[in-house]
Amino acid sequence: MGAIILDLRPGSGIGPFDLGMPISEAFAQIEQQPNIYDVVHVKYFDEEPLKLDIVISFPDHGFHLRFDPWSQRLRLIEVFDIKRLQMRYAASLIGGPSTLATFVAVYALFGPTFPGIYDKDRGVYTLFYPGLSFAFPIPSQYTDCCNDGEAELPLEFPDGTTPVTCRVSVYDSAADNKVGVGSLLNKAIAPPLPVDSLYMEEVHVKVWPIYFQFLHHPFLVKFLSIFVFSCLHFSKTFFHVSISFLYAFFPLISAYFSSG
């Protein structure tokens, strides 16, 4: 399949995927367009599912969606193969097999901005816009011209060439964080929920005082975290019924583990 074209919305989303959307809505969008999203990979940390992001990847189109493992809301969109995806912004196209996303092209399309950040360990220079960043690999012979605050924009090398982006990140701009490769990736957070949203935020529940006496039981901890977390994604009525269930049966569960 050739490169598809998706609208790029800095700080908001890309194509049909909006930052902050629940993972269920993302799957609904995928199911509505099976001819486009025919190859989909879902990745998560099986041993500790609440530790790392849930990732929906589209390898044929070169991008993936990162969902917060607790809220299961979209916090970050990353384009990792710019040649497989064309993005449309302000009636212009960038990326794909025919339109190179060079530093000069990005700068001309999105306009002037502050100097970016150079990661010496990865050899990558990241350029930031509100809710959007572009990462460019820098050849080792040209690292001296990429020091933070010293690079002249748009970035061009002494031989007249300009780097081509290797990664594009779309994230919520409200937090005013600079999100990019490496540790900067973790700064992306899902945008705040609308006031009228029916989707519930994270809730901490003290189910039973005795719970804190059995934290050394891995199964018990995992059971409670998954059970309560799952309840929060259903109706409030189901949530209250589930909590009542835990209050009724938790002493028996605790007694079982303490006797073992």
Protein backbone atom coordinates (compact mmCIF):
# COMPACT_ATOMS: atom_id res chain seq x y z
CA MET A 1 0.00 0.00 0.00
CA GLY A 2 1.24 3.48 -0.89
CA ALA A 3 1.67 6.31 1.55
CA ILE A 4 -1.61 7.65 2.94
CA ILE A 5 -2.30 11.32 3.62
CA LEU A 6 -3.38 12.43 7.08
CA ASP A 7 -4.10 15.94 8.32
CA LEU A 8 -1.51 17.09 10.85
CA ARG A 9 -2.90 19.13 13.75
CA PRO A 10 -0.07 20.25 16.08
CA GLY A 11 -1.05 19.89 19.73
CA SER A 12 -4.29 18.16 18.74
CA GLY A 13 -3.79 15.00 16.68
CA ILE A 14 -3.30 13.47 13.28
CA GLY A 15 -5.95 12.16 10.90
CA PRO A 16 -8.85 10.61 12.84
CA PHE A 17 -6.80 10.27 16.04
CA ASP A 18 -7.18 13.01 18.66
CA LEU A 19 -4.94 13.42 21.67
CA GLY A 20 -6.81 12.44 24.82
CA MET A 21 -9.15 10.00 23.06
CA PRO A 22 -9.82 6.69 24.87
CA ILE A 23 -8.23 3.61 23.35
CA SER A 24 -11.71 2.24 22.59
CA GLU A 25 -12.39 5.19 20.28
CA ALA A 26 -9.08 4.61 18.50
CA PHE A 27 -10.06 1.00 17.81
CA ALA A 28 -13.46 2.20 16.57
CA GLN A 29 -11.73 4.49 14.06
CA ILE A 30 -9.52 1.63 12.91
CA GLU A 31 -12.50 -0.68 12.41
CA GLN A 32 -14.28 1.94 10.31
CA GLN A 33 -11.40 2.05 7.80
CA PRO A 34 -10.14 -1.54 7.44
CA ASN A 35 -8.77 -0.90 3.95
CA ILE A 36 -6.41 1.75 5.29
CA TYR A 37 -5.51 0.32 8.68
CA ASP A 38 -5.24 -3.31 7.58
CA VAL A 39 -2.05 -4.06 9.54
CA VAL A 40 -2.25 -3.09 13.22
CA HIS A 41 0.07 -4.12 16.05
CA VAL A 42 -0.87 -3.69 19.71
CA LYS A 43 2.00 -3.68 22.19
CA TYR A 44 1.98 -3.65 25.98
CA PHE A 45 4.05 -4.90 28.91
CA ASP A 46 2.41 -8.21 29.78
CA GLU A 47 4.14 -8.67 33.14
CA GLU A 48 3.21 -5.21 34.45
CA PRO A 49 0.50 -3.79 32.17
CA LEU A 50 0.20 -0.55 34.14
CA LYS A 51 3.91 0.26 33.98
CA LEU A 52 4.47 1.10 30.30
CA ASP A 53 2.43 2.67 27.50
CA ILE A 54 -0.07 0.72 25.46
CA VAL A 55 1.02 1.21 21.85
CA ILE A 56 -1.08 0.84 18.70
CA SER A 57 1.33 0.69 15.78
CA PHE A 58 0.71 0.96 12.03
CA PRO A 59 3.96 -0.37 10.53
CA ASP A 60 2.80 0.05 6.92
CA HIS A 61 2.17 3.75 7.54
CA GLY A 62 5.14 4.48 9.79
CA PHE A 63 3.42 5.83 12.89
CA HIS A 64 2.07 4.71 16.23
CA LEU A 65 -0.17 5.88 19.06
CA ARG A 66 0.94 5.87 22.69
CA PHE A 67 -1.74 5.50 25.37
CA ASP A 68 -1.25 6.13 29.07
CA PRO A 69 -1.52 2.68 30.73
CA TRP A 70 -3.67 3.95 33.62
CA SER A 71 -6.22 6.16 31.90
CA GLN A 72 -5.88 4.43 28.49
CA ARG A 73 -6.09 7.84 26.81
CA LEU A 74 -3.91 8.92 23.89
CA ARG A 75 -0.96 10.96 25.14
CA LEU A 76 1.47 10.93 22.20
CA ILE A 77 1.55 10.31 18.43
CA GLU A 78 4.88 9.45 16.84
CA VAL A 79 5.76 9.20 13.16
CA PHE A 80 8.81 6.93 13.08
CA ASP A 81 9.09 6.42 9.29
CA ILE A 82 8.40 9.71 7.55
CA LYS A 83 8.68 8.13 4.09
CA ARG A 84 5.62 5.97 4.72
CA LEU A 85 3.26 8.77 5.72
CA GLN A 86 2.34 12.04 4.06
CA MET A 87 1.05 14.75 6.37
CA ARG A 88 -1.03 17.69 5.24
CA TYR A 89 -0.64 21.04 7.01
CA ALA A 90 -1.99 24.39 5.79
CA ALA A 91 -2.76 22.91 2.36
CA SER A 92 0.85 21.72 1.98
CA LEU A 93 2.18 18.17 2.07
CA ILE A 94 5.26 16.98 3.86
CA GLY A 95 6.69 13.48 4.13
CA GLY A 96 5.96 10.40 2.06
CA PRO A 97 8.09 8.89 -0.71
CA SER A 98 8.02 12.01 -2.90
CA THR A 99 8.24 14.95 -0.46
CA LEU A 100 11.33 14.88 1.73
CA ALA A 101 10.81 16.32 5.20
CA THR A 102 14.12 18.16 5.30
CA PHE A 103 15.05 20.71 7.93
CA VAL A 104 14.71 23.51 5.39
CA ALA A 105 11.30 22.26 4.22
CA VAL A 106 9.99 21.95 7.80
CA TYR A 107 11.27 25.41 8.70
CA ALA A 108 9.68 26.93 5.61
CA LEU A 109 6.31 25.29 6.28
CA PHE A 110 5.98 25.82 10.04
CA GLY A 111 7.89 29.06 10.34
CA PRO A 112 10.67 30.39 12.58
CA THR A 113 11.10 29.00 16.06
CA PHE A 114 13.66 28.93 18.85
CA PRO A 115 16.85 26.86 18.47
CA GLY A 116 16.27 23.21 19.32
CA ILE A 117 18.07 20.70 21.51
CA TYR A 118 20.98 18.54 20.39
CA ASP A 119 21.27 15.09 21.97
CA LYS A 120 24.95 14.18 21.76
CA ASP A 121 24.42 10.56 22.82
CA ARG A 122 21.91 9.89 20.04
CA GLY A 123 23.32 12.33 17.50
CA VAL A 124 19.87 13.88 17.05
CA TYR A 125 18.83 17.52 16.84
CA THR A 126 15.18 18.20 17.82
CA LEU A 127 13.27 21.24 16.64
CA PHE A 128 10.20 22.26 18.65
CA TYR A 129 6.92 23.96 17.85
CA PRO A 130 3.84 24.15 20.13
CA GLY A 131 2.53 20.59 20.34
CA LEU A 132 4.92 19.37 17.66
CA SER A 133 8.57 18.37 17.30
CA PHE A 134 10.87 17.12 14.55
CA ALA A 135 14.01 15.06 15.18
CA PHE A 136 16.91 15.17 12.72
CA PRO A 137 19.93 12.82 12.68
CA ILE A 138 23.19 14.74 12.51
CA PRO A 139 26.30 13.21 10.86
CA SER A 140 29.23 13.01 13.24
CA GLN A 141 31.35 15.40 11.16
CA TYR A 142 28.79 18.19 11.64
CA THR A 143 28.04 17.92 15.35
CA ASP A 144 29.97 21.11 16.14
CA CYS A 145 27.39 23.26 14.36
CA CYS A 146 24.50 21.85 16.43
CA ASN A 147 25.37 22.99 19.92
CA ASP A 148 22.34 24.20 21.86
CA GLY A 149 21.59 27.82 21.23
CA GLU A 150 24.34 28.17 18.62
CA ALA A 151 22.89 26.49 15.53
CA GLU A 152 21.76 28.86 12.80
CA LEU A 153 18.25 28.13 11.57
CA PRO A 154 17.29 26.69 9.20
CA LEU A 155 20.04 24.14 9.69
CA GLU A 156 22.30 23.56 6.69
CA PHE A 157 25.65 21.78 6.63
CA PRO A 158 28.84 23.24 5.16
CA ASP A 159 28.50 20.98 2.10
CA GLY A 160 25.12 22.57 1.29
CA THR A 161 22.96 19.62 2.42
CA THR A 162 20.27 19.68 5.10
CA PRO A 163 19.19 16.82 7.40
CA VAL A 164 15.96 14.86 6.87
CA THR A 165 13.69 14.26 9.83
CA CYS A 166 13.67 10.78 11.34
CA ARG A 167 10.79 11.26 13.81
CA VAL A 168 7.80 13.53 14.29
CA SER A 169 6.01 13.83 17.65
CA VAL A 170 2.54 15.27 18.18
CA TYR A 171 1.59 16.02 21.78
CA ASP A 172 -0.58 18.29 23.91
CA SER A 173 0.81 21.81 23.94
CA ALA A 174 -1.12 23.00 27.02
CA ALA A 175 1.53 21.69 29.43
CA ASP A 176 4.24 23.64 27.55
CA ASN A 177 6.55 20.61 27.60
CA LYS A 178 9.18 19.89 24.99
CA VAL A 179 8.57 16.33 23.85
CA GLY A 180 11.01 14.48 21.63
CA VAL A 181 13.22 11.39 21.51
CA GLY A 182 14.72 9.67 24.54
CA SER A 183 13.78 10.95 27.97
CA LEU A 184 11.85 13.84 26.43
CA LEU A 185 9.27 11.29 25.27
CA ASN A 186 8.04 10.82 28.83
CA LYS A 187 7.02 14.48 29.13
CA ALA A 188 3.96 13.96 26.94
CA ILE A 189 0.72 13.75 28.89
CA ALA A 190 -2.88 13.38 27.78
CA PRO A 191 -4.75 16.71 27.66
CA PRO A 192 -7.23 17.52 30.44
CA LEU A 193 -10.70 16.08 30.06
CA PRO A 194 -13.51 18.44 29.00
CA VAL A 195 -15.81 19.54 31.81
CA ASP A 196 -18.76 17.65 30.32
CA SER A 197 -16.79 14.44 29.71
CA LEU A 198 -18.25 11.18 31.03
CA TYR A 199 -14.84 9.52 31.03
CA MET A 200 -13.48 9.18 34.57
CA GLU A 201 -10.07 10.25 35.75
CA GLU A 202 -7.84 8.14 38.00
CA VAL A 203 -9.38 7.51 41.44
CA HIS A 204 -7.57 6.23 44.54
CA VAL A 205 -9.72 3.98 46.70
CA LYS A 206 -8.88 2.66 50.17
CA VAL A 207 -10.82 -0.59 49.98
CA TRP A 208 -9.97 -2.05 53.39
CA PRO A 209 -7.37 -1.14 56.04
CA ILE A 210 -6.07 -4.70 56.12
CA TYR A 211 -4.96 -4.32 52.48
CA PHE A 212 -1.84 -2.48 53.54
CA GLN A 213 -0.75 -5.45 55.68
CA PHE A 214 -0.47 -7.76 52.69
CA LEU A 215 1.50 -5.73 50.16
CA HIS A 216 4.06 -8.56 50.05
CA HIS A 217 1.57 -10.75 48.17
CA PRO A 218 2.18 -9.96 44.45
CA PHE A 219 -0.99 -11.73 43.29
CA LEU A 220 -3.15 -9.79 45.76
CA VAL A 221 -1.71 -6.46 44.69
CA LYS A 222 -2.12 -7.28 41.01
CA PHE A 223 -5.68 -8.53 41.56
CA LEU A 224 -6.75 -5.33 43.33
CA SER A 225 -5.09 -2.95 40.88
CA ILE A 226 -6.55 -4.63 37.80
CA PHE A 227 -9.99 -5.10 39.41
CA VAL A 228 -10.41 -1.49 40.57
CA PHE A 229 -8.87 -0.09 37.37
CA SER A 230 -11.30 -2.12 35.24
CA CYS A 231 -14.25 -0.88 37.27
CA LEU A 232 -13.41 2.71 36.46
CA HIS A 233 -14.04 2.12 32.76
CA PHE A 234 -17.66 1.10 33.28
CA SER A 235 -20.68 2.92 34.65
CA LYS A 236 -20.72 4.51 38.07
CA THR A 237 -23.35 1.99 39.17
CA PHE A 238 -21.08 -0.91 38.29
CA PHE A 239 -18.22 0.83 40.09
CA HIS A 240 -20.21 1.11 43.33
CA VAL A 241 -21.39 -2.48 43.09
CA SER A 242 -17.80 -3.64 42.52
CA ILE A 243 -16.53 -1.72 45.54
CA SER A 244 -19.32 -3.25 47.65
CA PHE A 245 -18.18 -6.66 46.43
CA LEU A 246 -14.63 -5.98 47.56
CA TYR A 247 -15.78 -4.79 50.98
CA ALA A 248 -17.78 -7.97 51.41
CA PHE A 249 -15.17 -10.48 50.29
CA PHE A 250 -11.83 -8.79 50.94
CA PRO A 251 -11.48 -10.16 54.52
CA LEU A 252 -11.81 -13.70 53.13
CA ILE A 253 -9.22 -13.03 50.42
CA SER A 254 -6.82 -11.50 52.93
CA ALA A 255 -7.33 -14.36 55.38
CA TYR A 256 -6.57 -16.86 52.62
CA PHE A 257 -3.24 -15.24 51.76
CA SER A 258 -2.20 -14.63 55.36
CA SER A 259 -2.83 -18.28 56.22
CA GLY A 260 -0.64 -19.36 53.27
